[in-house]
Amino acid sequence: MTFAQKYVLWAAGILLWIFGVSILLSYIAYGYMDLPTVGHMALVLFPPLVLAAILLVLFKRPRDLKARKERVAHVRQAVAEGRS
């Protein structure tokens, strides 16, 4: 898993946590769950979660072995020359 994927997962998790805690606190405070409000919250939450899923796919590591070898060779050459 790449660092970008980890950031996307953390952001989506925090967003889900905020919405979940909001629903839980509302239920505790009022004693019932307002389903229309929860439905609207789900509609608000849906687009960012779809975007997170798309970003997870876009930030995948390349499966092409040749591209990976070229990247490793480039890093090896940079280290040999003293560049970072």
PDB file of N, CA and C in Angstrom:
ATOM      1  N   MET A   1       0.848  -1.173   0.000  1.00  0.00           N
ATOM      2  CA  MET A   1       0.000   0.000   0.000  1.00  0.00           C
ATOM      3  C   MET A   1       0.897   1.240   0.000  1.00  0.00           C
ATOM      4  N   THR A   2       0.604   2.162  -0.880  1.00  0.00           N
ATOM      5  CA  THR A   2       1.413   3.380  -0.987  1.00  0.00           C
ATOM      6  C   THR A   2       1.011   4.374   0.096  1.00  0.00           C
ATOM      7  N   PHE A   3       1.883   5.369   0.286  1.00  0.00           N
ATOM      8  CA  PHE A   3       1.579   6.401   1.275  1.00  0.00           C
ATOM      9  C   PHE A   3       0.330   7.181   0.875  1.00  0.00           C
ATOM     10  N   ALA A   4       0.161   7.439  -0.406  1.00  0.00           N
ATOM     11  CA  ALA A   4      -1.020   8.169  -0.873  1.00  0.00           C
ATOM     12  C   ALA A   4      -2.298   7.393  -0.537  1.00  0.00           C
ATOM     13  N   GLN A   5      -2.261   6.076  -0.700  1.00  0.00           N
ATOM     14  CA  GLN A   5      -3.425   5.263  -0.358  1.00  0.00           C
ATOM     15  C   GLN A   5      -3.698   5.324   1.144  1.00  0.00           C
ATOM     16  N   LYS A   6      -2.644   5.321   1.945  1.00  0.00           N
ATOM     17  CA  LYS A   6      -2.828   5.414   3.394  1.00  0.00           C
ATOM     18  C   LYS A   6      -3.475   6.747   3.777  1.00  0.00           C
ATOM     19  N   TYR A   7      -3.043   7.835   3.135  1.00  0.00           N
ATOM     20  CA  TYR A   7      -3.634   9.144   3.418  1.00  0.00           C
ATOM     21  C   TYR A   7      -5.108   9.174   3.024  1.00  0.00           C
ATOM     22  N   VAL A   8      -5.430   8.592   1.891  1.00  0.00           N
ATOM     23  CA  VAL A   8      -6.823   8.554   1.435  1.00  0.00           C
ATOM     24  C   VAL A   8      -7.667   7.737   2.415  1.00  0.00           C
ATOM     25  N   LEU A   9      -7.144   6.591   2.849  1.00  0.00           N
ATOM     26  CA  LEU A   9      -7.888   5.762   3.810  1.00  0.00           C
ATOM     27  C   LEU A   9      -8.066   6.474   5.142  1.00  0.00           C
ATOM     28  N   TRP A  10      -7.028   7.158   5.618  1.00  0.00           N
ATOM     29  CA  TRP A  10      -7.153   7.906   6.868  1.00  0.00           C
ATOM     30  C   TRP A  10      -8.209   9.009   6.732  1.00  0.00           C
ATOM     31  N   ALA A  11      -8.177   9.736   5.634  1.00  0.00           N
ATOM     32  CA  ALA A  11      -9.148  10.822   5.439  1.00  0.00           C
ATOM     33  C   ALA A  11     -10.573  10.266   5.385  1.00  0.00           C
ATOM     34  N   ALA A  12     -10.766   9.171   4.655  1.00  0.00           N
ATOM     35  CA  ALA A  12     -12.102   8.568   4.576  1.00  0.00           C
ATOM     36  C   ALA A  12     -12.529   8.037   5.937  1.00  0.00           C
ATOM     37  N   GLY A  13     -11.599   7.441   6.672  1.00  0.00           N
ATOM     38  CA  GLY A  13     -11.918   6.930   8.005  1.00  0.00           C
ATOM     39  C   GLY A  13     -12.299   8.039   8.967  1.00  0.00           C
ATOM     40  N   ILE A  14     -11.580   9.146   8.921  1.00  0.00           N
ATOM     41  CA  ILE A  14     -11.908  10.285   9.791  1.00  0.00           C
ATOM     42  C   ILE A  14     -13.275  10.842   9.430  1.00  0.00           C
ATOM     43  N   LEU A  15     -13.555  10.940   8.148  1.00  0.00           N
ATOM     44  CA  LEU A  15     -14.865  11.435   7.715  1.00  0.00           C
ATOM     45  C   LEU A  15     -15.990  10.514   8.199  1.00  0.00           C
ATOM     46  N   LEU A  16     -15.801   9.205   8.041  1.00  0.00           N
ATOM     47  CA  LEU A  16     -16.796   8.248   8.538  1.00  0.00           C
ATOM     48  C   LEU A  16     -16.951   8.343  10.052  1.00  0.00           C
ATOM     49  N   TRP A  17     -15.824   8.498  10.753  1.00  0.00           N
ATOM     50  CA  TRP A  17     -15.859   8.607  12.210  1.00  0.00           C
ATOM     51  C   TRP A  17     -16.657   9.842  12.633  1.00  0.00           C
ATOM     52  N   ILE A  18     -16.434  10.976  11.994  1.00  0.00           N
ATOM     53  CA  ILE A  18     -17.150  12.207  12.340  1.00  0.00           C
ATOM     54  C   ILE A  18     -18.649  12.029  12.136  1.00  0.00           C
ATOM     55  N   PHE A  19     -19.041  11.462  11.008  1.00  0.00           N
ATOM     56  CA  PHE A  19     -20.464  11.258  10.749  1.00  0.00           C
ATOM     57  C   PHE A  19     -21.053  10.250  11.732  1.00  0.00           C
ATOM     58  N   GLY A  20     -20.314   9.179  12.025  1.00  0.00           N
ATOM     59  CA  GLY A  20     -20.800   8.169  12.967  1.00  0.00           C
ATOM     60  C   GLY A  20     -20.965   8.718  14.367  1.00  0.00           C
ATOM     61  N   VAL A  21     -19.991   9.487  14.829  1.00  0.00           N
ATOM     62  CA  VAL A  21     -20.087  10.089  16.172  1.00  0.00           C
ATOM     63  C   VAL A  21     -21.223  11.099  16.212  1.00  0.00           C
ATOM     64  N   SER A  22     -21.403  11.840  15.146  1.00  0.00           N
ATOM     65  CA  SER A  22     -22.503  12.805  15.089  1.00  0.00           C
ATOM     66  C   SER A  22     -23.854  12.105  15.217  1.00  0.00           C
ATOM     67  N   ILE A  23     -24.023  11.005  14.512  1.00  0.00           N
ATOM     68  CA  ILE A  23     -25.282  10.255  14.595  1.00  0.00           C
ATOM     69  C   ILE A  23     -25.457   9.672  15.992  1.00  0.00           C
ATOM     70  N   LEU A  24     -24.374   9.124  16.560  1.00  0.00           N
ATOM     71  CA  LEU A  24     -24.445   8.534  17.898  1.00  0.00           C
ATOM     72  C   LEU A  24     -24.781   9.579  18.950  1.00  0.00           C
ATOM     73  N   LEU A  25     -24.139  10.728  18.900  1.00  0.00           N
ATOM     74  CA  LEU A  25     -24.412  11.773  19.883  1.00  0.00           C
ATOM     75  C   LEU A  25     -25.830  12.317  19.735  1.00  0.00           C
ATOM     76  N   SER A  26     -26.309  12.417  18.515  1.00  0.00           N
ATOM     77  CA  SER A  26     -27.679  12.856  18.289  1.00  0.00           C
ATOM     78  C   SER A  26     -28.661  11.844  18.886  1.00  0.00           C
ATOM     79  N   TYR A  27     -28.368  10.564  18.701  1.00  0.00           N
ATOM     80  CA  TYR A  27     -29.232   9.514  19.257  1.00  0.00           C
ATOM     81  C   TYR A  27     -29.221   9.549  20.783  1.00  0.00           C
ATOM     82  N   ILE A  28     -28.052   9.750  21.367  1.00  0.00           N
ATOM     83  CA  ILE A  28     -27.950   9.804  22.828  1.00  0.00           C
ATOM     84  C   ILE A  28     -28.677  11.026  23.369  1.00  0.00           C
ATOM     85  N   ALA A  29     -28.545  12.163  22.706  1.00  0.00           N
ATOM     86  CA  ALA A  29     -29.138  13.405  23.196  1.00  0.00           C
ATOM     87  C   ALA A  29     -30.659  13.409  23.073  1.00  0.00           C
ATOM     88  N   TYR A  30     -31.193  12.868  21.978  1.00  0.00           N
ATOM     89  CA  TYR A  30     -32.625  12.969  21.733  1.00  0.00           C
ATOM     90  C   TYR A  30     -33.381  11.669  21.959  1.00  0.00           C
ATOM     91  N   GLY A  31     -32.685  10.562  22.102  1.00  0.00           N
ATOM     92  CA  GLY A  31     -33.343   9.302  22.424  1.00  0.00           C
ATOM     93  C   GLY A  31     -33.925   8.558  21.234  1.00  0.00           C
ATOM     94  N   TYR A  32     -33.779   9.100  20.050  1.00  0.00           N
ATOM     95  CA  TYR A  32     -34.255   8.391  18.861  1.00  0.00           C
ATOM     96  C   TYR A  32     -33.360   8.792  17.681  1.00  0.00           C
ATOM     97  N   MET A  33     -33.388   7.975  16.654  1.00  0.00           N
ATOM     98  CA  MET A  33     -32.583   8.261  15.471  1.00  0.00           C
ATOM     99  C   MET A  33     -33.490   8.822  14.389  1.00  0.00           C
ATOM    100  N   ASP A  34     -33.195  10.017  13.959  1.00  0.00           N
ATOM    101  CA  ASP A  34     -33.969  10.671  12.911  1.00  0.00           C
ATOM    102  C   ASP A  34     -33.503  10.133  11.562  1.00  0.00           C
ATOM    103  N   LEU A  35     -34.231   9.153  11.045  1.00  0.00           N
ATOM    104  CA  LEU A  35     -33.803   8.466   9.828  1.00  0.00           C
ATOM    105  C   LEU A  35     -33.721   9.366   8.596  1.00  0.00           C
ATOM    106  N   PRO A  36     -34.630  10.322   8.398  1.00  0.00           N
ATOM    107  CA  PRO A  36     -34.459  11.213   7.238  1.00  0.00           C
ATOM    108  C   PRO A  36     -33.149  12.012   7.307  1.00  0.00           C
ATOM    109  N   THR A  37     -32.785  12.457   8.513  1.00  0.00           N
ATOM    110  CA  THR A  37     -31.525  13.190   8.667  1.00  0.00           C
ATOM    111  C   THR A  37     -30.328  12.283   8.399  1.00  0.00           C
ATOM    112  N   VAL A  38     -30.387  11.057   8.893  1.00  0.00           N
ATOM    113  CA  VAL A  38     -29.311  10.097   8.638  1.00  0.00           C
ATOM    114  C   VAL A  38     -29.216   9.804   7.139  1.00  0.00           C
ATOM    115  N   GLY A  39     -30.344   9.727   6.475  1.00  0.00           N
ATOM    116  CA  GLY A  39     -30.345   9.522   5.025  1.00  0.00           C
ATOM    117  C   GLY A  39     -29.696  10.677   4.288  1.00  0.00           C
ATOM    118  N   HIS A  40     -29.990  11.906   4.720  1.00  0.00           N
ATOM    119  CA  HIS A  40     -29.362  13.073   4.098  1.00  0.00           C
ATOM    120  C   HIS A  40     -27.856  13.090   4.372  1.00  0.00           C
ATOM    121  N   MET A  41     -27.481  12.687   5.574  1.00  0.00           N
ATOM    122  CA  MET A  41     -26.063  12.620   5.893  1.00  0.00           C
ATOM    123  C   MET A  41     -25.364  11.585   5.007  1.00  0.00           C
ATOM    124  N   ALA A  42     -26.037  10.487   4.746  1.00  0.00           N
ATOM    125  CA  ALA A  42     -25.459   9.464   3.868  1.00  0.00           C
ATOM    126  C   ALA A  42     -25.310   9.996   2.445  1.00  0.00           C
ATOM    127  N   LEU A  43     -26.273  10.778   1.993  1.00  0.00           N
ATOM    128  CA  LEU A  43     -26.171  11.370   0.651  1.00  0.00           C
ATOM    129  C   LEU A  43     -25.020  12.371   0.569  1.00  0.00           C
ATOM    130  N   VAL A  44     -24.771  13.085   1.666  1.00  0.00           N
ATOM    131  CA  VAL A  44     -23.652  14.023   1.701  1.00  0.00           C
ATOM    132  C   VAL A  44     -22.328  13.264   1.739  1.00  0.00           C
ATOM    133  N   LEU A  45     -22.305  12.136   2.419  1.00  0.00           N
ATOM    134  CA  LEU A  45     -21.085  11.355   2.594  1.00  0.00           C
ATOM    135  C   LEU A  45     -20.732  10.525   1.358  1.00  0.00           C
ATOM    136  N   PHE A  46     -21.704  10.213   0.540  1.00  0.00           N
ATOM    137  CA  PHE A  46     -21.487   9.319  -0.601  1.00  0.00           C
ATOM    138  C   PHE A  46     -20.455   9.841  -1.612  1.00  0.00           C
ATOM    139  N   PRO A  47     -20.545  11.089  -2.090  1.00  0.00           N
ATOM    140  CA  PRO A  47     -19.554  11.558  -3.083  1.00  0.00           C
ATOM    141  C   PRO A  47     -18.099  11.524  -2.591  1.00  0.00           C
ATOM    142  N   PRO A  48     -17.795  11.965  -1.350  1.00  0.00           N
ATOM    143  CA  PRO A  48     -16.394  11.855  -0.912  1.00  0.00           C
ATOM    144  C   PRO A  48     -15.908  10.406  -0.814  1.00  0.00           C
ATOM    145  N   LEU A  49     -16.787   9.493  -0.453  1.00  0.00           N
ATOM    146  CA  LEU A  49     -16.375   8.090  -0.377  1.00  0.00           C
ATOM    147  C   LEU A  49     -16.143   7.504  -1.766  1.00  0.00           C
ATOM    148  N   VAL A  50     -16.929   7.914  -2.738  1.00  0.00           N
ATOM    149  CA  VAL A  50     -16.698   7.476  -4.116  1.00  0.00           C
ATOM    150  C   VAL A  50     -15.368   8.040  -4.616  1.00  0.00           C
ATOM    151  N   LEU A  51     -15.103   9.305  -4.301  1.00  0.00           N
ATOM    152  CA  LEU A  51     -13.832   9.913  -4.676  1.00  0.00           C
ATOM    153  C   LEU A  51     -12.664   9.178  -4.014  1.00  0.00           C
ATOM    154  N   ALA A  52     -12.819   8.800  -2.759  1.00  0.00           N
ATOM    155  CA  ALA A  52     -11.766   8.051  -2.063  1.00  0.00           C
ATOM    156  C   ALA A  52     -11.521   6.705  -2.742  1.00  0.00           C
ATOM    157  N   ALA A  53     -12.573   6.033  -3.151  1.00  0.00           N
ATOM    158  CA  ALA A  53     -12.416   4.742  -3.837  1.00  0.00           C
ATOM    159  C   ALA A  53     -11.685   4.921  -5.167  1.00  0.00           C
ATOM    160  N   ILE A  54     -12.021   5.975  -5.890  1.00  0.00           N
ATOM    161  CA  ILE A  54     -11.351   6.244  -7.168  1.00  0.00           C
ATOM    162  C   ILE A  54      -9.875   6.557  -6.933  1.00  0.00           C
ATOM    163  N   LEU A  55      -9.584   7.355  -5.906  1.00  0.00           N
ATOM    164  CA  LEU A  55      -8.195   7.687  -5.609  1.00  0.00           C
ATOM    165  C   LEU A  55      -7.394   6.470  -5.169  1.00  0.00           C
ATOM    166  N   LEU A  56      -8.033   5.564  -4.443  1.00  0.00           N
ATOM    167  CA  LEU A  56      -7.337   4.337  -4.050  1.00  0.00           C
ATOM    168  C   LEU A  56      -6.914   3.532  -5.276  1.00  0.00           C
ATOM    169  N   VAL A  57      -7.757   3.502  -6.285  1.00  0.00           N
ATOM    170  CA  VAL A  57      -7.418   2.781  -7.511  1.00  0.00           C
ATOM    171  C   VAL A  57      -6.330   3.526  -8.291  1.00  0.00           C
ATOM    172  N   LEU A  58      -6.421   4.856  -8.341  1.00  0.00           N
ATOM    173  CA  LEU A  58      -5.449   5.635  -9.099  1.00  0.00           C
ATOM    174  C   LEU A  58      -4.058   5.605  -8.474  1.00  0.00           C
ATOM    175  N   PHE A  59      -3.983   5.502  -7.144  1.00  0.00           N
ATOM    176  CA  PHE A  59      -2.701   5.535  -6.457  1.00  0.00           C
ATOM    177  C   PHE A  59      -2.103   4.150  -6.246  1.00  0.00           C
ATOM    178  N   LYS A  60      -2.591   3.154  -7.010  1.00  0.00           N
ATOM    179  CA  LYS A  60      -2.029   1.818  -6.897  1.00  0.00           C
ATOM    180  C   LYS A  60      -0.600   1.812  -7.408  1.00  0.00           C
ATOM    181  N   ARG A  61       0.179   0.888  -6.878  1.00  0.00           N
ATOM    182  CA  ARG A  61       1.538   0.702  -7.383  1.00  0.00           C
ATOM    183  C   ARG A  61       1.462   0.094  -8.775  1.00  0.00           C
ATOM    184  N   PRO A  62       2.399   0.452  -9.625  1.00  0.00           N
ATOM    185  CA  PRO A  62       2.388  -0.148 -10.967  1.00  0.00           C
ATOM    186  C   PRO A  62       2.719  -1.632 -10.890  1.00  0.00           C
ATOM    187  N   ARG A  63       1.964  -2.422 -11.583  1.00  0.00           N
ATOM    188  CA  ARG A  63       2.184  -3.865 -11.581  1.00  0.00           C
ATOM    189  C   ARG A  63       3.182  -4.277 -12.655  1.00  0.00           C
ATOM    190  N   ASP A  64       3.536  -3.331 -13.502  1.00  0.00           N
ATOM    191  CA  ASP A  64       4.464  -3.623 -14.579  1.00  0.00           C
ATOM    192  C   ASP A  64       5.863  -3.798 -13.995  1.00  0.00           C
ATOM    193  N   LEU A  65       6.417  -4.982 -14.124  1.00  0.00           N
ATOM    194  CA  LEU A  65       7.714  -5.300 -13.557  1.00  0.00           C
ATOM    195  C   LEU A  65       8.814  -4.479 -14.222  1.00  0.00           C
ATOM    196  N   LYS A  66       8.680  -4.214 -15.505  1.00  0.00           N
ATOM    197  CA  LYS A  66       9.687  -3.437 -16.216  1.00  0.00           C
ATOM    198  C   LYS A  66       9.749  -2.011 -15.661  1.00  0.00           C
ATOM    199  N   ALA A  67       8.602  -1.408 -15.417  1.00  0.00           N
ATOM    200  CA  ALA A  67       8.567  -0.056 -14.857  1.00  0.00           C
ATOM    201  C   ALA A  67       9.192  -0.046 -13.466  1.00  0.00           C
ATOM    202  N   ARG A  68       8.969  -1.087 -12.694  1.00  0.00           N
ATOM    203  CA  ARG A  68       9.534  -1.164 -11.346  1.00  0.00           C
ATOM    204  C   ARG A  68      11.049  -1.297 -11.424  1.00  0.00           C
ATOM    205  N   LYS A  69      11.540  -2.121 -12.337  1.00  0.00           N
ATOM    206  CA  LYS A  69      12.986  -2.288 -12.490  1.00  0.00           C
ATOM    207  C   LYS A  69      13.635  -0.970 -12.920  1.00  0.00           C
ATOM    208  N   GLU A  70      12.982  -0.239 -13.808  1.00  0.00           N
ATOM    209  CA  GLU A  70      13.524   1.046 -14.239  1.00  0.00           C
ATOM    210  C   GLU A  70      13.573   2.028 -13.076  1.00  0.00           C
ATOM    211  N   ARG A  71      12.544   2.019 -12.246  1.00  0.00           N
ATOM    212  CA  ARG A  71      12.499   2.918 -11.095  1.00  0.00           C
ATOM    213  C   ARG A  71      13.610   2.557 -10.107  1.00  0.00           C
ATOM    214  N   VAL A  72      13.808   1.255  -9.859  1.00  0.00           N
ATOM    215  CA  VAL A  72      14.852   0.803  -8.947  1.00  0.00           C
ATOM    216  C   VAL A  72      16.222   1.145  -9.510  1.00  0.00           C
ATOM    217  N   ALA A  73      16.415   0.963 -10.809  1.00  0.00           N
ATOM    218  CA  ALA A  73      17.688   1.299 -11.438  1.00  0.00           C
ATOM    219  C   ALA A  73      17.962   2.794 -11.319  1.00  0.00           C
ATOM    220  N   HIS A  74      16.940   3.609 -11.478  1.00  0.00           N
ATOM    221  CA  HIS A  74      17.092   5.057 -11.364  1.00  0.00           C
ATOM    222  C   HIS A  74      17.504   5.434  -9.947  1.00  0.00           C
ATOM    223  N   VAL A  75      16.889   4.833  -8.961  1.00  0.00           N
ATOM    224  CA  VAL A  75      17.232   5.113  -7.562  1.00  0.00           C
ATOM    225  C   VAL A  75      18.657   4.643  -7.276  1.00  0.00           C
ATOM    226  N   ARG A  76      19.003   3.456  -7.780  1.00  0.00           N
ATOM    227  CA  ARG A  76      20.354   2.934  -7.580  1.00  0.00           C
ATOM    228  C   ARG A  76      21.393   3.881  -8.175  1.00  0.00           C
ATOM    229  N   GLN A  77      21.113   4.386  -9.363  1.00  0.00           N
ATOM    230  CA  GLN A  77      22.046   5.307 -10.028  1.00  0.00           C
ATOM    231  C   GLN A  77      22.152   6.611  -9.245  1.00  0.00           C
ATOM    232  N   ALA A  78      21.032   7.117  -8.743  1.00  0.00           N
ATOM    233  CA  ALA A  78      21.051   8.354  -7.971  1.00  0.00           C
ATOM    234  C   ALA A  78      21.856   8.182  -6.682  1.00  0.00           C
ATOM    235  N   VAL A  79      21.700   7.032  -6.026  1.00  0.00           N
ATOM    236  CA  VAL A  79      22.449   6.775  -4.793  1.00  0.00           C
ATOM    237  C   VAL A  79      23.937   6.660  -5.105  1.00  0.00           C
ATOM    238  N   ALA A  80      24.274   5.995  -6.203  1.00  0.00           N
ATOM    239  CA  ALA A  80      25.672   5.834  -6.579  1.00  0.00           C
ATOM    240  C   ALA A  80      26.330   7.179  -6.873  1.00  0.00           C
ATOM    241  N   GLU A  81      25.565   8.100  -7.448  1.00  0.00           N
ATOM    242  CA  GLU A  81      26.109   9.418  -7.774  1.00  0.00           C
ATOM    243  C   GLU A  81      26.054  10.375  -6.597  1.00  0.00           C
ATOM    244  N   GLY A  82      25.434   9.963  -5.503  1.00  0.00           N
ATOM    245  CA  GLY A  82      25.366  10.815  -4.324  1.00  0.00           C
ATOM    246  C   GLY A  82      24.198  11.770  -4.297  1.00  0.00           C
ATOM    247  N   ARG A  83      23.256  11.596  -5.238  1.00  0.00           N
ATOM    248  CA  ARG A  83      22.044  12.431  -5.232  1.00  0.00           C
ATOM    249  C   ARG A  83      20.990  11.741  -4.378  1.00  0.00           C
ATOM    250  N   SER A  84      20.027  12.512  -3.943  1.00  0.00           N
ATOM    251  CA  SER A  84      18.930  11.896  -3.180  1.00  0.00           C
ATOM    252  C   SER A  84      17.640  11.988  -3.929  1.00  0.00           C
TER     253      SER A  84
END
